[in-house]
Amino acid sequence: MNREEVLKKVQNRKPNQMDEMELDILQKSSTFGMTVGLIMCVALMIINIYSNQPYQDVYSVFCSIFCGQYMYRWIRQKDKFTLFCGICWGLVAVLLFILYITKIFV
């Protein structure tokens, strides 16, 4: 593409639409954030196990975040595998939450 084509493409873009670099940064930051969240979940799980407390609450929140990400991606892309992953993460989150509640009150 020459300079005029690039300039025209940029001018025709919607004001709040991200370009490829911004989308890549968003994707990588999301992946990095989820990795840091997983490391924190493992650290909190070790602390909870060491102090004889249930640890399923931490993973319930983490799985809920994954469920939300996959369900949003499914709404935008309509991919069946993404829907399947979102449902699975949601079920795991609900099961972990129920397990946590039963360990607290039983």
N, C-alpha and C. Protein backbone atom coordinates (compact mmCIF):
# COMPACT_ATOMS: atom_id res chain seq x y z
N MET A 1 0.84 -1.18 0.00
CA MET A 1 0.00 0.00 0.00
C MET A 1 0.89 1.24 0.00
N ASN A 2 0.44 2.22 -0.73
CA ASN A 2 1.19 3.47 -0.72
C ASN A 2 0.65 4.38 0.38
N ARG A 3 1.26 5.52 0.49
CA ARG A 3 0.94 6.43 1.58
C ARG A 3 -0.51 6.90 1.55
N GLU A 4 -1.03 7.19 0.37
CA GLU A 4 -2.39 7.69 0.25
C GLU A 4 -3.42 6.64 0.67
N GLU A 5 -3.17 5.38 0.31
CA GLU A 5 -4.09 4.31 0.69
C GLU A 5 -4.13 4.12 2.20
N VAL A 6 -2.95 4.16 2.82
CA VAL A 6 -2.88 4.02 4.27
C VAL A 6 -3.60 5.18 4.95
N LEU A 7 -3.37 6.40 4.46
CA LEU A 7 -4.02 7.57 5.03
C LEU A 7 -5.54 7.49 4.89
N LYS A 8 -6.01 7.06 3.73
CA LYS A 8 -7.45 6.94 3.50
C LYS A 8 -8.05 5.86 4.42
N LYS A 9 -7.33 4.76 4.60
CA LYS A 9 -7.81 3.68 5.47
C LYS A 9 -7.93 4.16 6.91
N VAL A 10 -6.94 4.91 7.37
CA VAL A 10 -6.97 5.44 8.74
C VAL A 10 -8.10 6.44 8.90
N GLN A 11 -8.34 7.28 7.92
CA GLN A 11 -9.39 8.29 8.01
C GLN A 11 -10.78 7.66 7.97
N ASN A 12 -10.94 6.56 7.26
CA ASN A 12 -12.24 5.89 7.16
C ASN A 12 -12.55 5.00 8.37
N ARG A 13 -11.59 4.82 9.23
CA ARG A 13 -11.78 3.98 10.40
C ARG A 13 -12.70 4.67 11.40
N LYS A 14 -13.49 3.87 12.10
CA LYS A 14 -14.36 4.42 13.15
C LYS A 14 -13.49 4.99 14.26
N PRO A 15 -13.98 6.01 14.97
CA PRO A 15 -13.13 6.68 15.96
C PRO A 15 -12.68 5.79 17.11
N ASN A 16 -13.49 4.85 17.54
CA ASN A 16 -13.11 4.03 18.69
C ASN A 16 -12.71 2.61 18.28
N GLN A 17 -12.42 2.40 17.00
CA GLN A 17 -12.01 1.09 16.51
C GLN A 17 -10.49 0.94 16.64
N MET A 18 -10.05 -0.21 17.16
CA MET A 18 -8.63 -0.44 17.37
C MET A 18 -7.98 -0.99 16.10
N ASP A 19 -6.70 -0.65 15.93
CA ASP A 19 -5.98 -1.24 14.81
C ASP A 19 -5.37 -2.58 15.24
N GLU A 20 -4.63 -3.22 14.34
CA GLU A 20 -4.10 -4.55 14.62
C GLU A 20 -3.14 -4.55 15.80
N MET A 21 -2.30 -3.54 15.91
CA MET A 21 -1.34 -3.48 17.00
C MET A 21 -2.06 -3.34 18.34
N GLU A 22 -3.06 -2.49 18.40
CA GLU A 22 -3.81 -2.31 19.64
C GLU A 22 -4.56 -3.58 20.02
N LEU A 23 -5.11 -4.30 19.04
CA LEU A 23 -5.78 -5.56 19.32
C LEU A 23 -4.80 -6.60 19.83
N ASP A 24 -3.61 -6.64 19.26
CA ASP A 24 -2.58 -7.58 19.71
C ASP A 24 -2.16 -7.27 21.14
N ILE A 25 -1.98 -6.00 21.45
CA ILE A 25 -1.62 -5.60 22.81
C ILE A 25 -2.72 -5.98 23.78
N LEU A 26 -3.97 -5.76 23.40
CA LEU A 26 -5.10 -6.13 24.26
C LEU A 26 -5.12 -7.63 24.52
N GLN A 27 -4.90 -8.43 23.49
CA GLN A 27 -4.90 -9.88 23.64
C GLN A 27 -3.76 -10.34 24.54
N LYS A 28 -2.56 -9.80 24.32
CA LYS A 28 -1.41 -10.20 25.13
C LYS A 28 -1.56 -9.74 26.57
N SER A 29 -2.13 -8.56 26.78
CA SER A 29 -2.32 -8.09 28.16
C SER A 29 -3.35 -8.94 28.88
N SER A 30 -4.37 -9.38 28.16
CA SER A 30 -5.37 -10.26 28.77
C SER A 30 -4.75 -11.59 29.17
N THR A 31 -3.93 -12.15 28.29
CA THR A 31 -3.24 -13.41 28.60
C THR A 31 -2.29 -13.23 29.77
N PHE A 32 -1.55 -12.14 29.78
CA PHE A 32 -0.62 -11.88 30.88
C PHE A 32 -1.37 -11.70 32.19
N GLY A 33 -2.47 -10.97 32.16
CA GLY A 33 -3.28 -10.77 33.36
C GLY A 33 -3.84 -12.07 33.91
N MET A 34 -4.30 -12.94 33.02
CA MET A 34 -4.82 -14.24 33.47
C MET A 34 -3.71 -15.10 34.06
N THR A 35 -2.50 -15.02 33.52
CA THR A 35 -1.37 -15.78 34.06
C THR A 35 -1.02 -15.28 35.46
N VAL A 36 -0.97 -13.98 35.63
CA VAL A 36 -0.70 -13.41 36.96
C VAL A 36 -1.82 -13.80 37.93
N GLY A 37 -3.06 -13.78 37.47
CA GLY A 37 -4.18 -14.20 38.32
C GLY A 37 -4.07 -15.65 38.74
N LEU A 38 -3.63 -16.51 37.83
CA LEU A 38 -3.46 -17.92 38.16
C LEU A 38 -2.35 -18.10 39.19
N ILE A 39 -1.27 -17.37 39.05
CA ILE A 39 -0.18 -17.45 40.03
C ILE A 39 -0.68 -17.00 41.41
N MET A 40 -1.48 -15.94 41.45
CA MET A 40 -2.03 -15.48 42.72
C MET A 40 -2.99 -16.52 43.31
N CYS A 41 -3.77 -17.17 42.47
CA CYS A 41 -4.68 -18.22 42.95
C CYS A 41 -3.91 -19.36 43.57
N VAL A 42 -2.81 -19.76 42.95
CA VAL A 42 -1.99 -20.83 43.50
C VAL A 42 -1.40 -20.41 44.84
N ALA A 43 -0.92 -19.17 44.93
CA ALA A 43 -0.36 -18.68 46.19
C ALA A 43 -1.42 -18.65 47.28
N LEU A 44 -2.62 -18.15 46.97
CA LEU A 44 -3.69 -18.12 47.96
C LEU A 44 -4.15 -19.53 48.33
N MET A 45 -4.14 -20.44 47.37
CA MET A 45 -4.52 -21.82 47.67
C MET A 45 -3.53 -22.44 48.65
N ILE A 46 -2.25 -22.21 48.44
CA ILE A 46 -1.24 -22.76 49.35
C ILE A 46 -1.42 -22.19 50.75
N ILE A 47 -1.69 -20.90 50.85
CA ILE A 47 -1.92 -20.29 52.16
C ILE A 47 -3.17 -20.88 52.82
N ASN A 48 -4.25 -21.04 52.05
CA ASN A 48 -5.48 -21.60 52.62
C ASN A 48 -5.30 -23.05 53.03
N ILE A 49 -4.58 -23.83 52.26
CA ILE A 49 -4.33 -25.23 52.63
C ILE A 49 -3.47 -25.28 53.89
N TYR A 50 -2.47 -24.44 53.97
CA TYR A 50 -1.58 -24.42 55.13
C TYR A 50 -2.34 -24.03 56.40
N SER A 51 -3.33 -23.16 56.28
CA SER A 51 -4.10 -22.72 57.45
C SER A 51 -5.39 -23.51 57.62
N ASN A 52 -5.52 -24.65 56.93
CA ASN A 52 -6.69 -25.55 57.03
C ASN A 52 -8.00 -24.84 56.71
N GLN A 53 -8.01 -24.04 55.68
CA GLN A 53 -9.23 -23.37 55.23
C GLN A 53 -9.54 -23.83 53.81
N PRO A 54 -10.83 -23.81 53.43
CA PRO A 54 -11.16 -24.22 52.05
C PRO A 54 -10.60 -23.21 51.05
N TYR A 55 -10.21 -23.70 49.91
CA TYR A 55 -9.57 -22.86 48.90
C TYR A 55 -10.36 -22.78 47.59
N GLN A 56 -11.52 -23.40 47.53
CA GLN A 56 -12.27 -23.45 46.28
C GLN A 56 -12.82 -22.09 45.87
N ASP A 57 -12.96 -21.16 46.80
CA ASP A 57 -13.49 -19.85 46.45
C ASP A 57 -12.59 -19.11 45.47
N VAL A 58 -11.29 -19.24 45.66
CA VAL A 58 -10.34 -18.57 44.79
C VAL A 58 -10.49 -19.08 43.35
N TYR A 59 -10.57 -20.38 43.20
CA TYR A 59 -10.68 -20.94 41.85
C TYR A 59 -12.07 -20.74 41.26
N SER A 60 -13.07 -20.61 42.10
CA SER A 60 -14.41 -20.30 41.59
C SER A 60 -14.41 -18.94 40.91
N VAL A 61 -13.78 -17.97 41.52
CA VAL A 61 -13.68 -16.64 40.92
C VAL A 61 -12.86 -16.69 39.63
N PHE A 62 -11.74 -17.40 39.67
CA PHE A 62 -10.88 -17.50 38.49
C PHE A 62 -11.61 -18.16 37.32
N CYS A 63 -12.33 -19.24 37.60
CA CYS A 63 -13.08 -19.93 36.55
C CYS A 63 -14.24 -19.07 36.04
N SER A 64 -14.82 -18.26 36.91
CA SER A 64 -15.89 -17.35 36.48
C SER A 64 -15.36 -16.31 35.49
N ILE A 65 -14.15 -15.84 35.73
CA ILE A 65 -13.53 -14.89 34.81
C ILE A 65 -13.31 -15.53 33.45
N PHE A 66 -12.80 -16.77 33.45
CA PHE A 66 -12.63 -17.49 32.18
C PHE A 66 -13.97 -17.68 31.49
N CYS A 67 -15.00 -18.03 32.25
CA CYS A 67 -16.33 -18.22 31.68
C CYS A 67 -16.80 -16.93 31.02
N GLY A 68 -16.64 -15.82 31.70
CA GLY A 68 -17.04 -14.54 31.14
C GLY A 68 -16.30 -14.19 29.86
N GLN A 69 -15.00 -14.47 29.84
CA GLN A 69 -14.22 -14.20 28.63
C GLN A 69 -14.69 -15.04 27.45
N TYR A 70 -14.89 -16.33 27.69
CA TYR A 70 -15.31 -17.21 26.60
C TYR A 70 -16.73 -16.90 26.14
N MET A 71 -17.61 -16.57 27.06
CA MET A 71 -18.99 -16.27 26.66
C MET A 71 -19.04 -14.96 25.87
N TYR A 72 -18.25 -13.98 26.27
CA TYR A 72 -18.21 -12.73 25.50
C TYR A 72 -17.65 -13.00 24.10
N ARG A 73 -16.59 -13.79 24.03
CA ARG A 73 -16.01 -14.13 22.74
C ARG A 73 -17.02 -14.88 21.87
N TRP A 74 -17.83 -15.76 22.50
CA TRP A 74 -18.84 -16.49 21.76
C TRP A 74 -19.92 -15.55 21.23
N ILE A 75 -20.34 -14.59 22.04
CA ILE A 75 -21.36 -13.62 21.61
C ILE A 75 -20.87 -12.86 20.38
N ARG A 76 -19.59 -12.52 20.35
CA ARG A 76 -19.05 -11.74 19.24
C ARG A 76 -18.73 -12.59 18.01
N GLN A 77 -18.29 -13.87 18.22
CA GLN A 77 -17.81 -14.67 17.10
C GLN A 77 -18.73 -15.83 16.72
N LYS A 78 -19.62 -16.23 17.59
CA LYS A 78 -20.55 -17.34 17.34
C LYS A 78 -19.83 -18.65 16.99
N ASP A 79 -18.77 -18.95 17.73
CA ASP A 79 -18.01 -20.17 17.52
C ASP A 79 -18.48 -21.22 18.53
N LYS A 80 -18.82 -22.42 18.07
CA LYS A 80 -19.38 -23.44 18.95
C LYS A 80 -18.37 -23.92 19.98
N PHE A 81 -17.11 -24.04 19.60
CA PHE A 81 -16.09 -24.48 20.55
C PHE A 81 -15.93 -23.46 21.68
N THR A 82 -15.99 -22.19 21.35
CA THR A 82 -15.90 -21.14 22.36
C THR A 82 -17.08 -21.20 23.31
N LEU A 83 -18.27 -21.46 22.79
CA LEU A 83 -19.45 -21.64 23.64
C LEU A 83 -19.26 -22.84 24.56
N PHE A 84 -18.76 -23.94 24.03
CA PHE A 84 -18.51 -25.13 24.83
C PHE A 84 -17.53 -24.83 25.96
N CYS A 85 -16.44 -24.13 25.65
CA CYS A 85 -15.46 -23.77 26.68
C CYS A 85 -16.08 -22.86 27.74
N GLY A 86 -16.88 -21.90 27.32
CA GLY A 86 -17.54 -21.01 28.27
C GLY A 86 -18.48 -21.74 29.20
N ILE A 87 -19.25 -22.67 28.65
CA ILE A 87 -20.17 -23.46 29.48
C ILE A 87 -19.39 -24.33 30.45
N CYS A 88 -18.32 -24.95 29.97
CA CYS A 88 -17.50 -25.80 30.86
C CYS A 88 -16.89 -24.99 32.00
N TRP A 89 -16.32 -23.84 31.69
CA TRP A 89 -15.74 -23.00 32.74
C TRP A 89 -16.82 -22.53 33.71
N GLY A 90 -18.00 -22.22 33.21
CA GLY A 90 -19.10 -21.81 34.08
C GLY A 90 -19.53 -22.94 35.01
N LEU A 91 -19.62 -24.15 34.48
CA LEU A 91 -19.99 -25.30 35.32
C LEU A 91 -18.93 -25.57 36.39
N VAL A 92 -17.68 -25.48 36.00
CA VAL A 92 -16.60 -25.68 36.98
C VAL A 92 -16.67 -24.61 38.07
N ALA A 93 -16.93 -23.37 37.68
CA ALA A 93 -17.04 -22.28 38.66
C ALA A 93 -18.19 -22.53 39.63
N VAL A 94 -19.34 -22.94 39.11
CA VAL A 94 -20.50 -23.20 39.97
C VAL A 94 -20.22 -24.38 40.89
N LEU A 95 -19.63 -25.44 40.37
CA LEU A 95 -19.32 -26.61 41.21
C LEU A 95 -18.31 -26.27 42.30
N LEU A 96 -17.29 -25.49 41.97
CA LEU A 96 -16.33 -25.08 42.99
C LEU A 96 -16.98 -24.19 44.04
N PHE A 97 -17.88 -23.33 43.62
CA PHE A 97 -18.58 -22.47 44.58
C PHE A 97 -19.45 -23.29 45.51
N ILE A 98 -20.17 -24.26 44.97
CA ILE A 98 -21.01 -25.13 45.80
C ILE A 98 -20.14 -25.92 46.77
N LEU A 99 -19.02 -26.44 46.29
CA LEU A 99 -18.11 -27.18 47.16
C LEU A 99 -17.58 -26.29 48.27
N TYR A 100 -17.25 -25.06 47.95
CA TYR A 100 -16.77 -24.11 48.96
C TYR A 100 -17.84 -23.83 50.01
N ILE A 101 -19.07 -23.60 49.57
CA ILE A 101 -20.17 -23.33 50.51
C ILE A 101 -20.41 -24.53 51.41
N THR A 102 -20.38 -25.73 50.85
CA THR A 102 -20.61 -26.92 51.69
C THR A 102 -19.48 -27.12 52.68
N LYS A 103 -18.25 -26.78 52.33
CA LYS A 103 -17.15 -26.92 53.29
C LYS A 103 -17.23 -25.89 54.41
N ILE A 104 -17.80 -24.74 54.11
CA ILE A 104 -17.92 -23.71 55.15
C ILE A 104 -19.03 -24.05 56.14
N PHE A 105 -20.20 -24.45 55.62
CA PHE A 105 -21.37 -24.61 56.47
C PHE A 105 -21.61 -26.04 56.93
N VAL A 106 -20.86 -26.99 56.49
CA VAL A 106 -21.09 -28.38 56.91
C VAL A 106 -19.95 -28.87 57.76
